[in-house]
Protein backbone atom coordinates (compact mmCIF):
# COMPACT_ATOMS: atom_id res chain seq x y z
CA MET A 1 -12.69 -17.27 -34.95
CA SER A 2 -10.50 -14.53 -36.39
CA HIS A 3 -13.25 -12.07 -35.52
CA ARG A 4 -12.93 -12.69 -31.77
CA PRO A 5 -9.64 -10.78 -31.14
CA GLN A 6 -11.03 -7.75 -32.95
CA VAL A 7 -14.22 -7.86 -30.86
CA ILE A 8 -12.25 -8.18 -27.63
CA SER A 9 -9.99 -5.29 -28.65
CA HIS A 10 -13.00 -3.13 -29.48
CA VAL A 11 -14.72 -3.97 -26.18
CA ARG A 12 -11.53 -3.17 -24.25
CA LYS A 13 -11.23 0.21 -26.02
CA VAL A 14 -14.87 1.05 -25.28
CA ALA A 15 -14.42 0.07 -21.63
CA ASP A 16 -11.23 2.14 -21.33
CA ARG A 17 -12.95 5.14 -22.88
CA GLU A 18 -15.88 4.80 -20.46
CA VAL A 19 -13.56 4.56 -17.45
CA GLU A 20 -11.64 7.60 -18.67
CA GLU A 21 -14.84 9.63 -19.07
CA LYS A 22 -16.14 8.68 -15.62
CA LEU A 23 -12.97 8.66 -13.53
CA GLY A 24 -10.39 10.61 -15.50
CA VAL A 25 -7.10 9.77 -17.15
CA SER A 26 -5.39 8.72 -13.90
CA ALA A 27 -7.83 5.81 -13.51
CA VAL A 28 -6.87 4.50 -16.95
CA GLN A 29 -3.17 4.81 -16.08
CA ALA A 30 -3.79 2.97 -12.80
CA LYS A 31 -5.62 0.19 -14.66
CA LEU A 32 -2.74 -0.15 -17.13
CA ALA A 33 -0.21 -0.29 -14.29
CA THR A 34 -2.28 -2.96 -12.54
CA ASP A 35 -2.51 -4.98 -15.75
CA ASP A 36 1.29 -4.73 -16.15
CA GLU A 37 1.85 -5.93 -12.58
CA HIS A 38 -0.51 -8.87 -13.06
CA ALA A 39 1.36 -9.88 -16.22
CA GLN A 40 4.70 -10.11 -14.37
CA THR A 41 6.35 -13.41 -13.63
CA LEU A 42 7.32 -14.27 -10.07
CA TRP A 43 11.00 -13.49 -10.67
CA GLU A 44 10.22 -10.13 -12.31
CA ALA A 45 8.06 -9.15 -9.34
CA LEU A 46 10.74 -10.22 -6.84
CA ARG A 47 13.43 -8.36 -8.76
CA GLU A 48 11.41 -5.14 -8.97
CA ASN A 49 10.29 -5.26 -5.33
CA ARG A 50 13.53 -6.43 -3.76
CA LYS A 51 13.41 -4.03 -0.79
CA ALA A 52 9.81 -4.92 0.05
CA VAL A 53 10.59 -8.64 -0.14
CA MET A 54 13.60 -8.28 2.13
CA TRP A 55 11.64 -6.18 4.62
CA SER A 56 8.85 -8.76 4.68
CA MET A 57 11.32 -11.59 5.24
CA LEU A 58 13.04 -9.66 8.05
CA ILE A 59 9.78 -8.95 9.88
CA SER A 60 8.52 -12.52 9.36
CA MET A 61 11.72 -14.04 10.69
CA THR A 62 11.70 -11.66 13.66
CA ILE A 63 8.19 -12.75 14.59
CA ILE A 64 9.06 -16.43 14.14
CA MET A 65 12.21 -16.14 16.27
CA GLU A 66 10.31 -14.22 18.96
CA GLY A 67 7.82 -17.09 19.06
CA CYS A 68 10.66 -19.57 19.54
CA VAL A 69 11.99 -17.61 22.52
CA ILE A 70 8.56 -17.42 24.18
CA LEU A 71 7.84 -21.16 23.88
CA PRO A 72 9.16 -23.11 26.86
CA SER A 73 11.89 -25.55 26.04
CA GLU A 74 11.82 -29.01 27.54
């Protein structure tokens, strides 16, 4: 079983090298950035994207409140 991490590491290096040869260095950097984002916890993502989260909440609440105004009250 101790062989498995070495094999996975080797496969990852070969795959990264192949991507770099085909698409260039920027593709490898994009892949690393994506991997970093996927490894984030919920709180880390919320903290780093605070403005986007607030904007999304503002737009969502605006749409919800507009729907409440349009619905007839009884």
